[in-house]
Protein backbone atom coordinates (compact mmCIF):
# COMPACT_ATOMS: atom_id res chain seq x y z
CA UNK A 1 -72.88 17.34 -10.25
CA UNK A 2 -73.03 19.73 -7.32
CA UNK A 3 -73.16 23.35 -8.46
CA UNK A 4 -73.21 26.66 -6.61
CA UNK A 5 -73.64 29.53 -9.07
CA UNK A 6 -73.17 33.00 -7.60
CA UNK A 7 -74.29 36.11 -9.48
CA UNK A 8 -75.11 39.79 -9.04
CA UNK A 9 -71.68 41.26 -8.32
CA UNK A 10 -70.89 44.62 -9.94
CA UNK A 11 -68.75 47.73 -9.73
CA UNK A 12 -70.56 50.22 -7.46
CA UNK A 13 -69.78 53.44 -5.61
CA UNK A 14 -69.64 53.70 -1.80
CA UNK A 15 -73.09 53.92 -0.23
CA UNK A 16 -74.86 51.99 -2.97
CA UNK A 17 -76.71 48.66 -2.66
CA UNK A 18 -76.43 45.29 -4.36
CA UNK A 19 -78.17 41.91 -4.13
CA UNK A 20 -76.26 38.69 -4.72
CA UNK A 21 -77.88 35.38 -5.64
CA UNK A 22 -76.70 31.78 -5.28
CA UNK A 23 -78.47 29.20 -7.45
CA UNK A 24 -77.79 25.55 -6.61
CA UNK A 25 -78.33 22.19 -8.30
CA UNK A 26 -77.45 18.54 -7.76
CA UNK A 27 -77.67 19.18 -4.03
CA UNK A 28 -80.11 18.68 -1.14
CA UNK A 29 -80.50 22.41 -0.61
CA UNK A 30 -83.20 22.44 2.09
CA UNK A 31 -81.29 20.02 4.33
CA UNK A 32 -78.47 22.50 4.98
CA UNK A 33 -77.94 25.78 6.69
CA UNK A 34 -76.25 28.13 4.21
CA UNK A 35 -73.57 30.77 4.42
CA UNK A 36 -71.90 33.55 2.47
CA UNK A 37 -68.13 34.02 2.49
CA UNK A 38 -65.98 36.68 0.89
CA UNK A 39 -62.33 36.90 -0.10
CA UNK A 40 -60.79 40.37 -0.49
CA UNK A 41 -57.84 40.67 -2.89
CA UNK A 42 -54.69 39.24 -1.31
CA UNK A 43 -56.52 38.07 1.82
CA UNK A 44 -58.04 34.87 3.21
CA UNK A 45 -61.66 33.89 2.75
CA UNK A 46 -63.88 34.99 5.65
CA UNK A 47 -67.38 34.13 6.84
CA UNK A 48 -69.88 36.95 6.28
CA UNK A 49 -73.35 35.57 7.09
CA UNK A 50 -75.22 32.37 7.90
CA UNK A 51 -78.88 31.28 7.77
CA UNK A 52 -80.59 28.26 9.33
CA UNK A 53 -82.43 25.55 7.38
CA UNK A 54 -85.80 27.15 8.13
CA UNK A 55 -84.60 30.65 7.33
CA UNK A 56 -85.76 31.90 10.73
CA UNK A 57 -82.30 32.36 12.23
CA UNK A 58 -79.38 34.42 10.90
CA UNK A 59 -75.92 35.51 12.03
CA UNK A 60 -73.50 38.10 10.65
CA UNK A 61 -69.90 39.17 10.93
CA UNK A 62 -69.51 42.38 12.93
CA UNK A 63 -68.14 44.15 9.88
CA UNK A 64 -71.42 43.76 7.96
CA UNK A 65 -74.02 43.62 10.73
CA UNK A 66 -76.84 46.08 10.12
CA UNK A 67 -75.94 46.48 6.45
CA UNK A 68 -76.20 42.95 4.97
CA UNK A 69 -79.19 40.59 5.05
CA UNK A 70 -79.06 36.88 4.16
CA UNK A 71 -82.22 35.08 3.03
CA UNK A 72 -83.22 31.85 1.30
CA UNK A 73 -85.98 30.35 -0.82
CA UNK A 74 -86.16 26.59 -0.25
CA UNK A 75 -88.59 26.12 -3.15
CA UNK A 76 -86.15 27.75 -5.58
CA UNK A 77 -82.98 26.30 -3.99
CA UNK A 78 -81.54 29.80 -3.87
CA UNK A 79 -79.70 31.91 -1.27
CA UNK A 80 -79.52 35.70 -1.36
CA UNK A 81 -77.36 38.40 0.17
CA UNK A 82 -78.77 41.93 0.23
CA UNK A 83 -75.92 44.41 0.66
CA UNK A 84 -76.57 48.04 1.62
CA UNK A 85 -74.37 51.06 2.41
CA UNK A 86 -71.45 49.39 0.68
CA UNK A 87 -67.91 50.41 1.64
CA UNK A 88 -64.56 50.01 -0.17
CA UNK A 89 -63.62 47.34 2.41
CA UNK A 90 -66.53 45.22 1.11
CA UNK A 91 -64.62 44.72 -2.15
CA UNK A 92 -64.13 40.97 -2.56
CA UNK A 93 -65.17 37.84 -4.39
CA UNK A 94 -68.32 36.53 -2.68
CA UNK A 95 -69.13 32.81 -2.37
CA UNK A 96 -72.08 30.82 -1.04
CA UNK A 97 -71.51 27.53 0.78
CA UNK A 98 -73.60 24.91 2.63
CA UNK A 99 -72.70 24.66 6.32
CA UNK A 100 -70.92 21.39 7.07
CA UNK A 101 -70.16 20.57 3.44
CA UNK A 102 -66.63 20.01 2.17
CA UNK A 103 -64.55 23.19 2.39
CA UNK A 104 -62.71 22.04 -0.73
CA UNK A 105 -65.82 22.55 -2.87
CA UNK A 106 -66.69 26.09 -3.99
CA UNK A 107 -68.44 27.88 -6.82
CA UNK A 108 -66.81 30.49 -9.05
CA UNK A 109 -67.92 33.36 -6.83
CA UNK A 110 -69.06 36.80 -7.92
CA UNK A 111 -66.90 39.94 -7.85
CA UNK A 112 -68.09 42.95 -5.87
CA UNK A 113 -66.03 46.12 -6.30
CA UNK A 114 -66.81 49.24 -4.26
CA UNK A 115 -64.86 52.26 -5.47
CA UNK A 116 -65.31 55.98 -6.02
């Protein structure tokens, strides 16, 4: 079975940092570019970051550019999202997803809450 298992989300205060991980199995990890999405409470899911198959190219939403960094380890089949200078608007459930794969298939996500 295909599995995307996100972890690392916590309750943090504004300005703090957090690193999310996405462990995968039953999937050809290295053959896909990967992405991170987030879904704030009561809102639609939105694309946050994307990384190429080689890991040499990345793109970010304007709202997180300069604060978030996406990376991958093709030997460990894992994607990461380093989040710095967190803001209350970053509060959301965060999901990883392979680019081009069915948009009906998602992991459980990991909750990030930024509050003072």
